[in-house]
Protein backbone atom coordinates (compact mmCIF):
# COMPACT_ATOMS: atom_id res chain seq x y z
CA UNK A 1 20.09 23.18 27.84
CA UNK A 2 19.78 25.07 24.55
CA UNK A 3 20.52 24.21 20.95
CA UNK A 4 22.25 26.64 18.60
CA UNK A 5 20.37 25.79 15.38
CA UNK A 6 16.92 24.40 14.54
CA UNK A 7 18.50 21.71 12.35
CA UNK A 8 15.82 19.06 12.81
CA UNK A 9 13.00 21.58 12.30
CA UNK A 10 14.54 22.88 9.08
CA UNK A 11 15.29 19.38 7.80
CA UNK A 12 11.70 18.29 8.28
CA UNK A 13 10.37 21.43 6.65
CA UNK A 14 12.66 20.95 3.66
CA UNK A 15 11.39 17.42 3.11
CA UNK A 16 7.83 18.51 2.31
CA UNK A 17 8.38 20.47 -0.91
CA UNK A 18 10.33 17.73 -2.77
CA UNK A 19 7.64 15.16 -1.96
CA UNK A 20 4.93 17.47 -3.31
CA UNK A 21 6.97 18.19 -6.44
CA UNK A 22 7.26 14.43 -7.03
CA UNK A 23 3.51 14.08 -6.52
CA UNK A 24 2.82 16.78 -9.12
CA UNK A 25 5.14 15.06 -11.59
CA UNK A 26 3.31 11.78 -11.05
CA UNK A 27 -0.09 13.42 -11.44
CA UNK A 28 0.95 15.10 -14.70
CA UNK A 29 2.71 11.91 -15.89
CA UNK A 30 5.84 13.91 -16.65
CA UNK A 31 8.01 10.81 -16.32
CA UNK A 32 5.91 8.75 -18.74
CA UNK A 33 6.10 11.53 -21.33
CA UNK A 34 9.89 11.51 -21.00
CA UNK A 35 10.17 7.74 -21.47
CA UNK A 36 11.26 8.06 -25.11
CA UNK A 37 14.12 10.41 -24.27
CA UNK A 38 15.04 13.97 -23.31
CA UNK A 39 12.68 16.82 -24.17
CA UNK A 40 12.73 20.57 -23.70
CA UNK A 41 10.22 22.38 -21.53
CA UNK A 42 8.33 23.77 -24.54
CA UNK A 43 8.03 20.37 -26.22
CA UNK A 44 6.91 18.67 -23.02
CA UNK A 45 4.43 21.44 -22.24
CA UNK A 46 2.89 20.99 -25.69
CA UNK A 47 2.52 17.24 -25.11
CA UNK A 48 0.84 17.84 -21.74
CA UNK A 49 -1.26 20.78 -22.91
CA UNK A 50 0.01 23.13 -20.20
CA UNK A 51 1.86 26.44 -20.05
CA UNK A 52 5.61 26.19 -20.51
CA UNK A 53 6.51 28.79 -17.90
CA UNK A 54 4.58 26.96 -15.19
CA UNK A 55 5.76 23.48 -16.17
CA UNK A 56 9.40 24.54 -16.36
CA UNK A 57 9.35 25.49 -12.67
CA UNK A 58 8.32 21.93 -11.82
CA UNK A 59 10.88 20.40 -14.16
CA UNK A 60 13.76 22.29 -12.59
CA UNK A 61 12.45 21.32 -9.14
CA UNK A 62 12.38 17.65 -10.16
CA UNK A 63 16.00 17.94 -11.28
CA UNK A 64 16.86 19.33 -7.85
CA UNK A 65 14.92 16.45 -6.26
CA UNK A 66 16.92 13.85 -8.20
CA UNK A 67 14.09 12.50 -10.35
CA UNK A 68 15.04 14.34 -13.56
CA UNK A 69 18.39 15.34 -15.02
CA UNK A 70 19.59 17.73 -17.70
CA UNK A 71 20.68 15.84 -20.80
CA UNK A 72 21.14 16.70 -24.49
CA UNK A 73 19.73 20.18 -24.00
CA UNK A 74 16.52 18.96 -22.34
CA UNK A 75 15.04 17.19 -19.35
CA UNK A 76 15.37 13.41 -18.94
CA UNK A 77 14.36 10.79 -16.41
CA UNK A 78 16.94 9.55 -13.96
CA UNK A 79 17.36 5.75 -13.97
CA UNK A 80 15.17 5.47 -10.87
CA UNK A 81 12.36 7.55 -12.35
CA UNK A 82 12.62 5.63 -15.63
CA UNK A 83 12.20 2.35 -13.75
CA UNK A 84 9.42 3.19 -11.31
CA UNK A 85 7.53 6.22 -12.63
CA UNK A 86 6.95 5.38 -16.31
CA UNK A 87 3.51 3.95 -16.97
CA UNK A 88 3.66 0.51 -18.55
CA UNK A 89 6.97 -0.52 -16.99
CA UNK A 90 6.77 -3.70 -14.83
CA UNK A 91 7.91 -1.85 -11.68
CA UNK A 92 5.63 1.18 -12.24
CA UNK A 93 4.38 2.79 -9.01
CA UNK A 94 3.46 6.18 -10.41
CA UNK A 95 -0.23 5.33 -10.22
CA UNK A 96 -0.02 5.56 -6.44
CA UNK A 97 -0.37 9.34 -6.67
CA UNK A 98 -4.12 9.07 -5.99
CA UNK A 99 -3.45 7.24 -2.74
CA UNK A 100 -0.60 9.55 -1.78
CA UNK A 101 -2.86 12.57 -2.26
CA UNK A 102 -5.40 11.09 0.15
CA UNK A 103 -2.81 10.05 2.73
CA UNK A 104 -0.94 13.35 2.72
CA UNK A 105 -4.19 15.29 2.91
CA UNK A 106 -5.07 13.18 5.94
CA UNK A 107 -1.69 13.86 7.56
CA UNK A 108 -2.40 17.60 7.39
CA UNK A 109 -5.36 17.02 9.70
CA UNK A 110 -3.41 15.53 12.64
CA UNK A 111 -3.77 18.47 15.03
CA UNK A 112 -7.48 18.80 14.22
CA UNK A 113 -8.04 15.07 14.76
CA UNK A 114 -6.40 15.30 18.17
CA UNK A 115 -8.34 18.43 19.17
CA UNK A 116 -11.70 17.04 18.04
CA UNK A 117 -11.17 13.47 19.21
CA UNK A 118 -12.35 12.19 15.82
CA UNK A 119 -10.73 11.45 12.44
CA UNK A 120 -10.82 14.68 10.41
CA UNK A 121 -10.13 12.92 7.10
CA UNK A 122 -12.46 10.01 7.77
CA UNK A 123 -12.34 7.30 5.15
CA UNK A 124 -15.71 5.63 5.40
CA UNK A 125 -15.89 2.49 3.27
CA UNK A 126 -19.70 2.55 3.48
CA UNK A 127 -20.44 6.12 2.45
CA UNK A 128 -17.57 6.63 -0.02
CA UNK A 129 -18.72 6.97 -3.62
CA UNK A 130 -17.78 4.38 -6.22
CA UNK A 131 -15.42 6.96 -7.75
CA UNK A 132 -13.65 7.49 -4.41
CA UNK A 133 -13.43 3.76 -3.78
CA UNK A 134 -12.09 3.09 -7.27
CA UNK A 135 -9.44 5.79 -6.79
CA UNK A 136 -8.42 4.16 -3.51
CA UNK A 137 -8.27 0.68 -5.09
CA UNK A 138 -6.19 1.90 -8.03
CA UNK A 139 -3.98 3.93 -5.73
CA UNK A 140 -3.23 0.88 -3.59
CA UNK A 141 -3.04 -1.57 -6.49
CA UNK A 142 0.67 -1.26 -7.23
CA UNK A 143 1.45 -1.60 -3.54
CA UNK A 144 -0.64 -4.78 -3.47
CA UNK A 145 1.16 -6.16 -6.52
CA UNK A 146 4.53 -5.31 -4.96
CA UNK A 147 3.47 -7.06 -1.73
CA UNK A 148 2.62 -10.20 -3.71
CA UNK A 149 6.03 -10.16 -5.36
CA UNK A 150 7.68 -9.65 -1.97
CA UNK A 151 5.79 -12.61 -0.57
CA UNK A 152 6.98 -14.91 -3.35
CA UNK A 153 10.54 -13.62 -3.10
CA UNK A 154 10.87 -13.94 0.67
CA UNK A 155 8.92 -17.12 1.37
CA UNK A 156 8.75 -20.53 -0.27
CA UNK A 157 5.23 -20.86 -1.66
CA UNK A 158 6.11 -23.63 -4.11
CA UNK A 159 3.94 -26.13 -2.24
CA UNK A 160 0.98 -23.75 -2.10
CA UNK A 161 -1.98 -24.79 -4.25
CA UNK A 162 -4.60 -22.39 -2.89
CA UNK A 163 -4.31 -18.86 -1.51
CA UNK A 164 -6.99 -16.51 -0.20
CA UNK A 165 -6.39 -12.74 -0.13
CA UNK A 166 -8.71 -11.45 2.59
CA UNK A 167 -9.75 -7.82 2.33
CA UNK A 168 -7.35 -7.61 -0.59
CA UNK A 169 -8.92 -4.60 -2.27
CA UNK A 170 -7.98 -4.79 -5.94
CA UNK A 171 -6.69 -8.36 -5.64
CA UNK A 172 -3.26 -7.23 -6.82
CA UNK A 173 -1.41 -9.35 -4.26
CA UNK A 174 -3.24 -12.54 -5.25
CA UNK A 175 -2.72 -11.80 -8.95
CA UNK A 176 1.02 -11.19 -8.49
CA UNK A 177 1.45 -14.49 -6.64
CA UNK A 178 -0.48 -16.34 -9.36
CA UNK A 179 1.64 -14.69 -12.08
CA UNK A 180 4.80 -15.86 -10.33
CA UNK A 181 3.50 -19.37 -9.66
CA UNK A 182 1.46 -20.79 -12.55
CA UNK A 183 -0.94 -23.48 -11.39
CA UNK A 184 -1.74 -21.78 -8.10
CA UNK A 185 -5.36 -20.75 -7.69
CA UNK A 186 -6.24 -17.73 -5.59
CA UNK A 187 -9.37 -16.17 -4.16
CA UNK A 188 -10.03 -12.53 -3.39
CA UNK A 189 -12.33 -12.26 -0.36
CA UNK A 190 -13.93 -8.83 -0.20
CA UNK A 191 -17.08 -6.90 0.62
CA UNK A 192 -19.56 -7.09 -2.24
CA UNK A 193 -19.20 -3.51 -3.50
CA UNK A 194 -15.40 -3.57 -3.32
CA UNK A 195 -15.34 -6.91 -5.12
CA UNK A 196 -17.47 -5.48 -7.92
CA UNK A 197 -15.13 -2.51 -8.37
CA UNK A 198 -12.07 -4.77 -8.23
CA UNK A 199 -13.11 -6.93 -11.20
CA UNK A 200 -11.99 -4.39 -13.79
CA UNK A 201 -8.64 -3.85 -12.06
CA UNK A 202 -8.02 -7.60 -11.81
CA UNK A 203 -8.86 -8.11 -15.48
CA UNK A 204 -5.94 -5.84 -16.48
CA UNK A 205 -3.43 -7.41 -14.08
CA UNK A 206 -1.05 -10.27 -14.95
CA UNK A 207 -2.22 -13.32 -13.03
CA UNK A 208 -5.68 -11.84 -12.50
CA UNK A 209 -7.37 -14.54 -14.57
CA UNK A 210 -6.35 -17.09 -11.92
CA UNK A 211 -8.08 -15.16 -9.14
CA UNK A 212 -11.70 -15.92 -8.30
CA UNK A 213 -13.81 -13.66 -6.10
CA UNK A 214 -15.75 -14.56 -2.96
CA UNK A 215 -17.82 -11.92 -1.23
CA UNK A 216 -18.18 -11.66 2.51
CA UNK A 217 -17.27 -9.74 5.65
CA UNK A 218 -14.28 -11.09 7.57
CA UNK A 219 -15.68 -9.61 10.79
CA UNK A 220 -18.90 -11.59 10.42
CA UNK A 221 -17.73 -15.05 9.36
CA UNK A 222 -14.75 -16.95 7.93
CA UNK A 223 -14.46 -17.47 4.17
CA UNK A 224 -15.74 -20.75 2.78
CA UNK A 225 -13.37 -23.70 2.59
CA UNK A 226 -9.75 -24.12 3.63
CA UNK A 227 -6.64 -22.82 1.90
CA UNK A 228 -2.91 -23.45 2.11
CA UNK A 229 -2.25 -19.75 2.61
CA UNK A 230 -4.35 -16.83 3.83
CA UNK A 231 -3.20 -13.21 3.62
CA UNK A 232 -4.44 -10.17 5.52
CA UNK A 233 -2.78 -7.16 3.89
CA UNK A 234 -3.47 -3.63 5.18
CA UNK A 235 -6.61 -4.94 6.91
CA UNK A 236 -6.02 -5.17 10.66
CA UNK A 237 -4.52 -1.67 10.75
CA UNK A 238 -7.89 -0.11 9.85
CA UNK A 239 -9.65 -1.90 12.74
CA UNK A 240 -9.99 -1.63 16.49
CA UNK A 241 -8.04 -4.18 18.57
CA UNK A 242 -11.20 -6.23 19.17
CA UNK A 243 -12.11 -6.27 15.48
CA UNK A 244 -8.52 -7.00 14.51
CA UNK A 245 -8.49 -10.06 16.78
CA UNK A 246 -11.80 -11.19 15.28
CA UNK A 247 -10.54 -10.75 11.72
CA UNK A 248 -7.42 -12.78 12.48
CA UNK A 249 -9.49 -15.56 14.09
CA UNK A 250 -11.82 -15.77 11.06
CA UNK A 251 -8.87 -15.66 8.66
CA UNK A 252 -7.15 -18.48 10.54
CA UNK A 253 -10.31 -20.56 10.26
CA UNK A 254 -9.84 -20.47 6.47
CA UNK A 255 -6.35 -22.03 6.72
CA UNK A 256 -5.85 -25.78 6.74
CA UNK A 257 -3.82 -27.25 9.65
CA UNK A 258 -0.16 -26.72 8.88
CA UNK A 259 -1.00 -23.91 6.48
CA UNK A 260 0.24 -20.37 6.77
CA UNK A 261 -1.31 -17.02 7.65
CA UNK A 262 0.48 -13.85 6.58
CA UNK A 263 -0.30 -10.41 7.98
CA UNK A 264 1.20 -7.60 5.91
CA UNK A 265 1.01 -3.89 6.53
CA UNK A 266 2.59 -0.55 7.30
CA UNK A 267 1.38 -0.63 10.89
CA UNK A 268 3.49 -3.31 12.61
CA UNK A 269 5.39 -1.83 15.55
CA UNK A 270 8.22 -3.02 17.76
CA UNK A 271 7.00 -3.51 21.30
CA UNK A 272 8.58 -0.21 22.40
CA UNK A 273 6.37 1.58 19.80
CA UNK A 274 9.37 3.59 18.55
CA UNK A 275 10.27 1.54 15.46
CA UNK A 276 10.14 1.13 12.56
CA UNK A 277 9.67 4.89 11.96
CA UNK A 278 7.24 4.29 9.07
CA UNK A 279 4.87 2.37 11.35
CA UNK A 280 5.13 5.05 14.04
CA UNK A 281 4.24 7.79 11.54
CA UNK A 282 1.49 5.77 9.86
CA UNK A 283 -0.12 5.53 13.29
CA UNK A 284 -0.90 9.25 12.90
CA UNK A 285 -2.31 8.72 9.40
CA UNK A 286 -4.57 5.92 10.66
CA UNK A 287 -5.84 8.20 13.45
CA UNK A 288 -6.86 10.78 10.83
CA UNK A 289 -8.52 8.25 8.52
CA UNK A 290 -10.22 5.69 10.76
CA UNK A 291 -12.30 5.79 13.91
CA UNK A 292 -10.41 2.93 15.53
CA UNK A 293 -7.50 1.92 13.26
CA UNK A 294 -3.88 2.01 14.33
CA UNK A 295 -0.43 0.47 14.28
CA UNK A 296 -0.18 -2.54 16.60
CA UNK A 297 2.82 -4.17 18.24
CA UNK A 298 4.34 -7.54 17.44
CA UNK A 299 3.26 -8.77 20.88
CA UNK A 300 -0.34 -7.73 20.23
CA UNK A 301 -0.35 -9.60 16.93
CA UNK A 302 1.25 -12.65 18.56
CA UNK A 303 -1.46 -12.73 21.23
CA UNK A 304 -4.25 -12.50 18.65
CA UNK A 305 -2.61 -15.25 16.58
CA UNK A 306 -2.22 -17.52 19.62
CA UNK A 307 -5.92 -17.08 20.40
CA UNK A 308 -6.64 -18.07 16.78
CA UNK A 309 -4.65 -21.32 17.18
CA UNK A 310 -1.64 -20.07 15.23
CA UNK A 311 1.99 -20.33 16.30
CA UNK A 312 5.60 -20.26 15.07
CA UNK A 313 5.24 -16.51 14.64
CA UNK A 314 7.90 -14.82 12.52
CA UNK A 315 8.18 -11.08 11.79
CA UNK A 316 10.08 -9.40 8.96
CA UNK A 317 10.52 -5.65 8.55
CA UNK A 318 10.91 -4.61 4.92
CA UNK A 319 13.23 -1.79 3.74
CA UNK A 320 10.15 0.41 3.27
CA UNK A 321 9.26 0.02 6.96
CA UNK A 322 6.26 -2.16 6.21
CA UNK A 323 6.17 -5.55 7.88
CA UNK A 324 5.19 -9.16 7.36
CA UNK A 325 4.09 -11.47 10.15
CA UNK A 326 4.02 -15.17 9.30
CA UNK A 327 2.28 -17.77 11.47
CA UNK A 328 1.37 -21.44 11.13
CA UNK A 329 -2.14 -22.80 11.73
CA UNK A 330 -1.60 -25.43 14.43
CA UNK A 331 -4.82 -27.46 14.16
């Protein structure tokens, strides 16, 4: 059986250039510089300190992509760009360009990772420089903050007095929950070096003053004390199945009986491994970045949670394709 046109091939090819144009706009902070209103290419180029002829190509491309529009004789942000890509706005996610650069670079290595049998864009938390780690933390920070807001919006945490954010990177999730629920105290549990780098990010984040820091390794031992809620966000997906099970067991040990454990991440798959598409595709990214990380199925998570004395497992898939698994500590 033959097909007349390479429609799917061409559609996938066409999706790359708009994403890279958006990335360039984020890196140059084009959208932030247009926050005050429309500007011509020459004016905007002067603000950015770049050549007008080169910048104008990007500006027209961003109009085509739907992130800019022509208005009053110049270029202006669309409502979506004005909401999410202007630095200083509450919903700003433009700072994720550092993370996107790393992830998309990793995705370009998929064939090489398969041929070599090893991750060709290895992200090694031990050997990465402080600059690389800081870029990763800041790149993931807005995603962490958004995850905290999602948690508060989708689940009733009003009775929660204590939350621990395990492997939480910048602590953005814990800070966002604290900002939404005054009186709640949170703890960021992280490796010592990551915790040190996270302090500056937390200090600039609403709710960050309510987050204390505990250092440790979730694969070696549980955190100290018991909490009403424990969160593992984007943690298990960077681990092997055995390490993921161990991390969940140690996290559950930090939850009081009747308390709640949340697992949040891009790598939560249906049992058929075909959905959600984001988790399927992130499985390739994880292969390029980590020696043993991957997307895992709901059944795999449920088995690890049962072994950790957690039940009443609930799974939510978010519009982005990321997922949340909620479980209750039984005893």
